[in-house]
Amino acid sequence: MKRDHRLVSLSREHHTALRLGRSLLAGGAAVALRAEQAALATHFAEEEERFVRLLQARGHEALAARLLHEHATLRTLFGAALRGEREGEAGQALLDHVRFEERELFPVVERLLEVVP
């Protein structure tokens, strides 16, 4: 699927997140999570900064709230996974979140960006 050029880098980062999610599901991926933790935090912050106000201003409050909620949940699950807890749950949540963004969030954001140069 071709993405708006403003979303390409975020979409590419999702490939790494999907690999990490699968590793977390398999277990023993705390080292991999620790290595990706800063990149994930940056990714979440960029999405929140770029999309939340845009979505809210254009009548997509539910999508903005879901994005924020899922990021908060993932932060909590990542913390647990780093302590050796809930690793599989963190992996599944990450996989589900990436799919949400690629299939639901990004298509809406792309439509909204069509009117923003």
Protein backbone atom coordinates (compact mmCIF):
# COMPACT_ATOMS: atom_id res chain seq x y z
CA MET A 1 0.00 0.00 0.00
CA LYS A 2 1.37 3.38 -0.98
CA ARG A 3 1.49 5.81 1.91
CA ASP A 4 1.45 9.59 1.89
CA HIS A 5 5.08 10.70 1.94
CA ARG A 6 4.50 12.27 5.38
CA LEU A 7 3.69 8.84 6.85
CA VAL A 8 6.27 6.67 5.11
CA SER A 9 8.91 6.77 7.85
CA LEU A 10 6.37 5.94 10.56
CA SER A 11 4.96 3.12 8.47
CA ARG A 12 8.46 1.70 7.90
CA GLU A 13 9.09 1.75 11.63
CA HIS A 14 6.07 -0.49 12.03
CA HIS A 15 8.01 -3.33 10.40
CA THR A 16 10.47 -3.30 13.30
CA ALA A 17 7.57 -3.11 15.77
CA LEU A 18 5.93 -6.15 14.17
CA ARG A 19 9.14 -8.16 14.49
CA LEU A 20 9.43 -7.10 18.11
CA GLY A 21 5.81 -8.01 18.78
CA ARG A 22 6.34 -11.50 17.40
CA SER A 23 9.49 -11.87 19.50
CA LEU A 24 7.64 -10.80 22.62
CA LEU A 25 4.93 -13.35 21.89
CA ALA A 26 7.56 -16.06 21.60
CA GLY A 27 9.11 -15.01 24.93
CA GLY A 28 12.57 -14.01 26.04
CA ALA A 29 12.59 -10.72 24.14
CA ALA A 30 13.37 -8.32 26.99
CA VAL A 31 16.80 -7.57 25.50
CA ALA A 32 15.23 -6.76 22.11
CA LEU A 33 12.59 -4.59 23.79
CA ARG A 34 15.25 -2.73 25.78
CA ALA A 35 17.15 -2.09 22.53
CA GLU A 36 14.01 -0.69 20.83
CA GLN A 37 12.59 1.17 23.82
CA ALA A 38 13.92 4.63 22.90
CA ALA A 39 12.85 4.27 19.26
CA LEU A 40 9.36 3.20 20.34
CA ALA A 41 9.08 6.17 22.71
CA THR A 42 10.13 8.54 19.93
CA HIS A 43 7.69 6.90 17.50
CA PHE A 44 4.79 7.23 19.96
CA ALA A 45 5.65 10.87 20.73
CA GLU A 46 5.83 11.75 17.05
CA GLU A 47 2.45 10.19 16.31
CA GLU A 48 0.86 11.91 19.28
CA GLU A 49 2.33 15.28 18.36
CA ARG A 50 1.43 15.04 14.68
CA PHE A 51 -1.98 13.36 14.80
CA VAL A 52 -3.91 13.91 18.03
CA ARG A 53 -4.80 17.57 17.52
CA LEU A 54 -5.44 17.01 13.80
CA LEU A 55 -7.83 14.15 14.53
CA GLN A 56 -9.60 16.02 17.32
CA ALA A 57 -9.99 19.18 15.21
CA ARG A 58 -11.54 17.20 12.34
CA GLY A 59 -14.11 15.24 14.33
CA HIS A 60 -12.14 12.04 14.93
CA GLU A 61 -11.94 12.29 18.71
CA ALA A 62 -12.46 8.53 19.14
CA LEU A 63 -9.43 7.71 16.99
CA ALA A 64 -7.30 10.24 18.88
CA ALA A 65 -8.43 8.78 22.21
CA ARG A 66 -7.74 5.23 21.04
CA LEU A 67 -4.25 6.19 19.88
CA LEU A 68 -3.43 7.79 23.24
CA HIS A 69 -4.98 4.92 25.20
CA GLU A 70 -3.11 2.24 23.26
CA HIS A 71 0.19 4.07 23.61
CA ALA A 72 -0.34 4.35 27.38
CA THR A 73 -1.24 0.67 27.60
CA LEU A 74 1.81 -0.31 25.58
CA ARG A 75 4.10 1.78 27.81
CA THR A 76 2.72 -0.07 30.83
CA LEU A 77 3.04 -3.48 29.17
CA PHE A 78 6.58 -2.73 28.00
CA GLY A 79 7.55 -1.87 31.57
CA ALA A 80 6.09 -5.18 32.76
CA ALA A 81 7.81 -7.11 29.95
CA LEU A 82 11.15 -5.59 30.91
CA ARG A 83 10.57 -7.01 34.39
CA GLY A 84 9.85 -10.43 32.87
CA GLU A 85 6.07 -10.12 33.19
CA ARG A 86 3.23 -10.05 30.63
CA GLU A 87 5.62 -10.41 27.69
CA GLY A 88 3.12 -12.25 25.50
CA GLU A 89 0.43 -9.70 26.29
CA ALA A 90 2.81 -6.89 25.36
CA GLY A 91 3.64 -8.61 22.08
CA GLN A 92 0.00 -9.14 21.13
CA ALA A 93 -0.90 -5.58 22.09
CA LEU A 94 1.94 -4.24 19.94
CA LEU A 95 0.89 -6.35 16.94
CA ASP A 96 -2.73 -5.25 17.35
CA HIS A 97 -1.70 -1.62 17.70
CA VAL A 98 0.41 -1.61 14.53
CA ARG A 99 -2.47 -3.19 12.63
CA PHE A 100 -4.85 -0.54 14.01
CA GLU A 101 -2.57 2.24 12.86
CA GLU A 102 -1.93 0.80 9.40
CA ARG A 103 -5.52 -0.26 8.69
CA GLU A 104 -7.61 2.36 10.48
CA LEU A 105 -5.64 5.36 11.74
CA PHE A 106 -3.29 6.06 8.84
CA PRO A 107 -5.99 5.94 6.13
CA VAL A 108 -7.99 8.57 8.05
CA VAL A 109 -4.88 10.69 8.65
CA GLU A 110 -4.01 10.48 4.95
CA ARG A 111 -7.47 11.77 4.00
CA LEU A 112 -7.07 14.63 6.45
CA LEU A 113 -3.60 15.43 5.13
CA GLU A 114 -4.94 15.70 1.58
CA VAL A 115 -6.29 19.13 2.48
CA VAL A 116 -3.11 20.16 4.30
CA PRO A 117 -0.14 20.98 2.05
